[in-house]
Amino acid sequence: MSKLVFMSPEHVARMNELLAADPLSQAECAKLDRRWDMVYELAHGEQTVWWTMSFDPAQGVSFSLQPPAQPAGILLKGEYRAMMEFMRRSKAGEEPGSEPVTLSGAEGMKAIDAAFQAAGRAATLDTEIRVP
């Protein structure tokens, strides 16, 4: 069986299945005072690639490849190829350097930290990273 491709629709669907069944990330989200969206807005030629991770007190954590439904509380902007290369180096155990994005909404990162960590434990999958 081949590996899922990182941030493909199949990868996102599988992460969402795992998160929907994870009581710890749901419990951490329930502590939040509001929904937070952590959004990667990545330029890829003339297109934009979106990675949206929602932290909802009522619904838990979920991923999407769509733009956020509301203004992002946490926005990370950068270039898609540079981000994929960063992820590839990280996964390979190489020194990846700093994440090639600019961050807006650092206070939101503090708010979601426990839910983010729990989601990472529940839904991190071994994937293939393809750098375009």
Protein backbone atom coordinates (compact mmCIF):
# COMPACT_ATOMS: atom_id res chain seq x y z
CA MET A 1 0.00 0.00 0.00
CA SER A 2 1.42 3.39 -0.94
CA LYS A 3 1.70 6.26 1.50
CA LEU A 4 -0.73 9.11 1.53
CA VAL A 5 0.56 12.25 -0.17
CA PHE A 6 1.05 15.09 2.32
CA MET A 7 -1.91 17.48 2.38
CA SER A 8 -3.73 15.66 -0.42
CA PRO A 9 -7.53 15.36 -0.15
CA GLU A 10 -7.07 11.74 0.99
CA HIS A 11 -4.58 12.77 3.69
CA VAL A 12 -6.89 15.52 4.95
CA ALA A 13 -9.88 13.14 5.00
CA ARG A 14 -7.94 10.56 7.03
CA MET A 15 -6.73 13.21 9.51
CA ASN A 16 -10.32 14.41 9.92
CA GLU A 17 -11.47 10.85 10.63
CA LEU A 18 -8.83 10.48 13.33
CA LEU A 19 -9.62 13.87 14.86
CA ALA A 20 -13.37 13.20 14.92
CA ALA A 21 -12.64 10.13 17.06
CA ASP A 22 -10.08 11.80 19.35
CA PRO A 23 -11.47 12.75 22.76
CA LEU A 24 -8.34 14.63 23.89
CA SER A 25 -8.23 17.16 21.04
CA GLN A 26 -12.02 17.58 21.36
CA ALA A 27 -11.68 18.23 25.10
CA GLU A 28 -8.93 20.80 24.52
CA CYS A 29 -11.04 22.58 21.89
CA ALA A 30 -14.01 22.64 24.27
CA LYS A 31 -11.91 24.87 26.56
CA LEU A 32 -11.55 27.56 23.89
CA ASP A 33 -13.65 30.71 24.18
CA ARG A 34 -14.32 30.79 20.42
CA ARG A 35 -13.49 29.12 17.12
CA TRP A 36 -9.97 29.74 15.85
CA ASP A 37 -8.80 29.10 12.30
CA MET A 38 -5.09 28.58 11.68
CA VAL A 39 -4.63 29.18 7.97
CA TYR A 40 -1.68 28.67 5.65
CA GLU A 41 -2.08 30.89 2.58
CA LEU A 42 0.59 29.66 0.17
CA ALA A 43 1.34 31.24 -3.19
CA HIS A 44 1.82 28.69 -5.96
CA GLY A 45 2.27 30.48 -9.26
CA GLU A 46 -0.97 32.24 -10.08
CA GLN A 47 -2.89 30.10 -7.57
CA THR A 48 -3.21 30.04 -3.80
CA VAL A 49 -2.96 26.81 -1.84
CA TRP A 50 -4.98 26.82 1.39
CA TRP A 51 -4.41 24.65 4.45
CA THR A 52 -7.04 25.54 7.04
CA MET A 53 -7.04 23.99 10.49
CA SER A 54 -10.12 24.87 12.55
CA PHE A 55 -10.32 24.65 16.33
CA ASP A 56 -13.99 24.78 17.29
CA PRO A 57 -15.20 24.45 20.90
CA ALA A 58 -18.30 22.56 19.73
CA GLN A 59 -16.81 20.46 16.92
CA GLY A 60 -13.14 19.93 17.77
CA VAL A 61 -10.27 20.13 15.30
CA SER A 62 -10.63 19.72 11.55
CA PHE A 63 -8.60 20.30 8.40
CA SER A 64 -9.64 21.73 5.04
CA LEU A 65 -7.98 22.58 1.76
CA GLN A 66 -10.37 25.51 1.30
CA PRO A 67 -10.02 29.16 2.27
CA PRO A 68 -11.32 29.82 5.78
CA ALA A 69 -15.04 30.44 6.23
CA GLN A 70 -14.25 33.39 8.51
CA PRO A 71 -11.27 35.72 8.82
CA ALA A 72 -8.29 33.72 10.06
CA GLY A 73 -7.30 34.33 13.66
CA ILE A 74 -3.89 32.87 12.83
CA LEU A 75 -2.53 33.44 9.33
CA LEU A 76 0.71 32.02 7.97
CA LYS A 77 1.62 33.35 4.52
CA GLY A 78 4.39 32.14 2.29
CA GLU A 79 5.38 30.34 -0.88
CA TYR A 80 4.07 26.81 -1.45
CA ARG A 81 7.27 25.28 -2.84
CA ALA A 82 9.38 26.70 0.01
CA MET A 83 6.89 25.35 2.56
CA MET A 84 6.88 21.90 1.00
CA GLU A 85 10.68 21.85 0.93
CA PHE A 86 10.71 22.88 4.61
CA MET A 87 8.31 20.05 5.43
CA ARG A 88 10.38 17.55 3.41
CA ARG A 89 13.59 18.52 5.22
CA SER A 90 11.87 18.35 8.61
CA LYS A 91 10.51 14.88 7.91
CA ALA A 92 13.89 13.65 6.61
CA GLY A 93 15.54 14.73 9.87
CA GLU A 94 17.54 17.46 8.12
CA GLU A 95 17.95 20.95 9.52
CA PRO A 96 14.95 22.66 7.91
CA GLY A 97 15.79 26.24 8.87
CA SER A 98 13.01 28.53 9.98
CA GLU A 99 9.48 28.00 8.72
CA PRO A 100 9.24 30.02 5.47
CA VAL A 101 6.08 31.91 6.38
CA THR A 102 5.11 35.17 8.03
CA LEU A 103 2.80 34.87 11.03
CA SER A 104 -0.11 37.12 11.91
CA GLY A 105 -2.04 36.31 15.07
CA ALA A 106 0.66 34.96 17.38
CA GLU A 107 -1.66 35.38 20.36
CA GLY A 108 -3.97 32.84 18.76
CA MET A 109 -1.16 30.29 18.67
CA LYS A 110 -1.00 30.51 22.47
CA ALA A 111 -4.77 30.07 22.74
CA ILE A 112 -4.85 26.90 20.62
CA ASP A 113 -1.55 25.36 21.74
CA ALA A 114 -2.98 22.52 23.86
CA ALA A 115 -5.54 21.60 21.18
CA PHE A 116 -2.89 21.84 18.46
CA GLN A 117 -0.55 19.52 20.38
CA ALA A 118 -3.35 17.01 21.03
CA ALA A 119 -4.38 17.09 17.37
CA GLY A 120 -0.81 16.46 16.32
CA ARG A 121 -0.60 13.38 18.52
CA ALA A 122 -3.92 12.06 17.19
CA ALA A 123 -3.60 12.75 13.48
CA THR A 124 0.05 12.73 12.44
CA LEU A 125 0.39 10.19 9.64
CA ASP A 126 3.36 8.87 7.72
CA THR A 127 3.04 10.61 4.37
CA GLU A 128 4.99 11.17 1.20
CA ILE A 129 6.01 14.78 0.69
CA ARG A 130 6.20 15.80 -2.95
CA VAL A 131 8.01 19.04 -3.59
CA PRO A 132 6.73 20.57 -6.86
